[in-house]
Amino acid sequence: MGKKLYVGNLPYSVGNNDLQRLFEAHGSVVSAQVIMDRDTGRSKGFGFVEMGNDSEAQAAIADMNGKEVDGRSLTVNEARPKPEGGSNRGGRGGRGGYGGGRSRY
């Protein structure tokens, strides 16, 4: 099974194909995806690359972490699994947007 990598601090001009080309020098790239903002359609500046195997992933991390692309120093490491339970909004719960039950009068 391949190893999924997190790639951070991407230039906003980098697309999926560009990301794939950056990592192909280190082995087979199973998938490469730049994360896009739903509202604006622009890159969020990070993405994920899945390499063909663990040794290719480690070689990519060793060479690409800290590498400068279009004036930005990349952050490359193993991707952490998504947290369980849906939304990752910091535990706000379902209380709505207003605080406590204290009256102002």
C-alpha atoms as a PDB file:
ATOM      1  CA  MET A   1       0.000   0.000   0.000  1.00  0.00           C
ATOM      2  CA  GLY A   2       1.164   3.532  -0.779  1.00  0.00           C
ATOM      3  CA  LYS A   3       1.954   6.222   1.734  1.00  0.00           C
ATOM      4  CA  LYS A   4       0.014   9.482   1.793  1.00  0.00           C
ATOM      5  CA  LEU A   5       2.026  12.662   2.261  1.00  0.00           C
ATOM      6  CA  TYR A   6       0.942  16.123   3.374  1.00  0.00           C
ATOM      7  CA  VAL A   7       2.466  18.935   1.301  1.00  0.00           C
ATOM      8  CA  GLY A   8       2.129  22.372   2.868  1.00  0.00           C
ATOM      9  CA  ASN A   9       3.105  25.948   1.963  1.00  0.00           C
ATOM     10  CA  LEU A  10       2.419  25.349  -1.733  1.00  0.00           C
ATOM     11  CA  PRO A  11       2.425  28.363  -4.029  1.00  0.00           C
ATOM     12  CA  TYR A  12      -1.168  29.201  -4.966  1.00  0.00           C
ATOM     13  CA  SER A  13      -0.280  28.741  -8.641  1.00  0.00           C
ATOM     14  CA  VAL A  14       0.431  24.992  -8.187  1.00  0.00           C
ATOM     15  CA  GLY A  15      -2.295  22.656  -9.473  1.00  0.00           C
ATOM     16  CA  ASN A  16      -2.794  18.889  -9.262  1.00  0.00           C
ATOM     17  CA  ASN A  17      -0.632  18.137 -12.328  1.00  0.00           C
ATOM     18  CA  ASP A  18       2.169  20.392 -11.080  1.00  0.00           C
ATOM     19  CA  LEU A  19       2.104  18.666  -7.699  1.00  0.00           C
ATOM     20  CA  GLN A  20       2.295  15.252  -9.337  1.00  0.00           C
ATOM     21  CA  ARG A  21       5.269  16.306 -11.484  1.00  0.00           C
ATOM     22  CA  LEU A  22       7.125  17.607  -8.412  1.00  0.00           C
ATOM     23  CA  PHE A  23       6.972  14.170  -6.761  1.00  0.00           C
ATOM     24  CA  GLU A  24       7.378  11.839  -9.776  1.00  0.00           C
ATOM     25  CA  ALA A  25      11.174  12.094  -9.496  1.00  0.00           C
ATOM     26  CA  HIS A  26      10.917  10.040  -6.294  1.00  0.00           C
ATOM     27  CA  GLY A  27       8.768   7.178  -7.619  1.00  0.00           C
ATOM     28  CA  SER A  28       5.273   6.365  -8.716  1.00  0.00           C
ATOM     29  CA  VAL A  29       2.631   8.889  -7.721  1.00  0.00           C
ATOM     30  CA  VAL A  30      -0.718   7.183  -7.121  1.00  0.00           C
ATOM     31  CA  SER A  31      -2.572  10.481  -6.622  1.00  0.00           C
ATOM     32  CA  ALA A  32      -1.836  14.181  -6.177  1.00  0.00           C
ATOM     33  CA  GLN A  33      -4.478  16.646  -5.019  1.00  0.00           C
ATOM     34  CA  VAL A  34      -4.237  20.330  -4.186  1.00  0.00           C
ATOM     35  CA  ILE A  35      -6.978  21.302  -1.727  1.00  0.00           C
ATOM     36  CA  MET A  36      -9.214  24.047  -3.081  1.00  0.00           C
ATOM     37  CA  ASP A  37     -11.425  26.540  -1.256  1.00  0.00           C
ATOM     38  CA  ARG A  38     -15.092  25.722  -1.932  1.00  0.00           C
ATOM     39  CA  ASP A  39     -16.193  29.355  -2.036  1.00  0.00           C
ATOM     40  CA  THR A  40     -13.434  30.933  -4.128  1.00  0.00           C
ATOM     41  CA  GLY A  41     -12.163  27.943  -6.125  1.00  0.00           C
ATOM     42  CA  ARG A  42      -8.586  28.970  -5.275  1.00  0.00           C
ATOM     43  CA  SER A  43      -5.900  26.776  -3.766  1.00  0.00           C
ATOM     44  CA  LYS A  44      -5.677  26.693   0.022  1.00  0.00           C
ATOM     45  CA  GLY A  45      -1.892  26.303  -0.242  1.00  0.00           C
ATOM     46  CA  PHE A  46      -1.651  22.639   0.709  1.00  0.00           C
ATOM     47  CA  GLY A  47      -2.326  19.222  -0.758  1.00  0.00           C
ATOM     48  CA  PHE A  48      -1.774  15.497  -0.525  1.00  0.00           C
ATOM     49  CA  VAL A  49       0.363  13.119  -2.568  1.00  0.00           C
ATOM     50  CA  GLU A  50       0.094   9.346  -2.374  1.00  0.00           C
ATOM     51  CA  MET A  51       3.292   7.551  -3.322  1.00  0.00           C
ATOM     52  CA  GLY A  52       3.440   3.967  -4.601  1.00  0.00           C
ATOM     53  CA  ASN A  53       5.238   2.549  -1.546  1.00  0.00           C
ATOM     54  CA  ASP A  54       6.822   3.505   1.761  1.00  0.00           C
ATOM     55  CA  SER A  55      10.413   3.748   0.506  1.00  0.00           C
ATOM     56  CA  GLU A  56       9.368   6.155  -2.282  1.00  0.00           C
ATOM     57  CA  ALA A  57       7.429   8.200   0.265  1.00  0.00           C
ATOM     58  CA  GLN A  58      10.446   8.421   2.592  1.00  0.00           C
ATOM     59  CA  ALA A  59      12.692   9.469  -0.307  1.00  0.00           C
ATOM     60  CA  ALA A  60      10.194  12.164  -1.290  1.00  0.00           C
ATOM     61  CA  ILE A  61       9.992  13.480   2.292  1.00  0.00           C
ATOM     62  CA  ALA A  62      13.797  13.562   2.598  1.00  0.00           C
ATOM     63  CA  ASP A  63      14.263  15.478  -0.657  1.00  0.00           C
ATOM     64  CA  MET A  64      11.171  17.689  -0.822  1.00  0.00           C
ATOM     65  CA  ASN A  65      10.765  18.878   2.785  1.00  0.00           C
ATOM     66  CA  GLY A  66      12.196  22.398   2.872  1.00  0.00           C
ATOM     67  CA  LYS A  67      12.647  22.558  -0.912  1.00  0.00           C
ATOM     68  CA  GLU A  68      11.881  25.967  -2.384  1.00  0.00           C
ATOM     69  CA  VAL A  69       9.209  26.142  -5.092  1.00  0.00           C
ATOM     70  CA  ASP A  70       8.366  29.561  -6.538  1.00  0.00           C
ATOM     71  CA  GLY A  71       9.866  31.276  -3.500  1.00  0.00           C
ATOM     72  CA  ARG A  72       8.057  29.131  -0.904  1.00  0.00           C
ATOM     73  CA  SER A  73       9.693  26.494   1.265  1.00  0.00           C
ATOM     74  CA  LEU A  74       7.584  23.302   1.175  1.00  0.00           C
ATOM     75  CA  THR A  75       6.570  21.327   4.249  1.00  0.00           C
ATOM     76  CA  VAL A  76       6.374  17.613   3.450  1.00  0.00           C
ATOM     77  CA  ASN A  77       5.593  14.873   5.960  1.00  0.00           C
ATOM     78  CA  GLU A  78       3.398  11.817   6.422  1.00  0.00           C
ATOM     79  CA  ALA A  79      -0.267  12.732   6.362  1.00  0.00           C
ATOM     80  CA  ARG A  80      -2.171  12.113   9.576  1.00  0.00           C
ATOM     81  CA  PRO A  81      -5.493  10.290   9.309  1.00  0.00           C
ATOM     82  CA  LYS A  82      -8.657  12.378   9.366  1.00  0.00           C
ATOM     83  CA  PRO A  83     -10.214  12.664  12.826  1.00  0.00           C
ATOM     84  CA  GLU A  84     -13.331  10.556  13.285  1.00  0.00           C
ATOM     85  CA  GLY A  85     -16.734  12.166  13.643  1.00  0.00           C
ATOM     86  CA  GLY A  86     -17.093  14.475  10.659  1.00  0.00           C
ATOM     87  CA  SER A  87     -16.390  18.162  11.008  1.00  0.00           C
ATOM     88  CA  ASN A  88     -13.054  19.390  12.302  1.00  0.00           C
ATOM     89  CA  ARG A  89     -14.315  22.690  13.731  1.00  0.00           C
ATOM     90  CA  GLY A  90     -12.636  22.687  17.116  1.00  0.00           C
ATOM     91  CA  GLY A  91     -15.427  21.214  19.227  1.00  0.00           C
ATOM     92  CA  ARG A  92     -17.916  24.066  19.221  1.00  0.00           C
ATOM     93  CA  GLY A  93     -20.837  21.739  19.685  1.00  0.00           C
ATOM     94  CA  GLY A  94     -24.386  22.673  18.787  1.00  0.00           C
ATOM     95  CA  ARG A  95     -25.006  25.562  21.167  1.00  0.00           C
ATOM     96  CA  GLY A  96     -25.388  28.331  18.640  1.00  0.00           C
ATOM     97  CA  GLY A  97     -23.505  31.574  18.528  1.00  0.00           C
ATOM     98  CA  TYR A  98     -24.577  33.328  21.733  1.00  0.00           C
ATOM     99  CA  GLY A  99     -23.093  32.857  25.170  1.00  0.00           C
ATOM    100  CA  GLY A 100     -24.540  32.035  28.576  1.00  0.00           C
ATOM    101  CA  GLY A 101     -27.902  32.610  30.157  1.00  0.00           C
ATOM    102  CA  ARG A 102     -27.111  35.812  31.995  1.00  0.00           C
ATOM    103  CA  SER A 103     -29.602  38.650  31.570  1.00  0.00           C
ATOM    104  CA  ARG A 104     -28.459  42.215  30.957  1.00  0.00           C
ATOM    105  CA  TYR A 105     -31.370  43.746  32.939  1.00  0.00           C
END
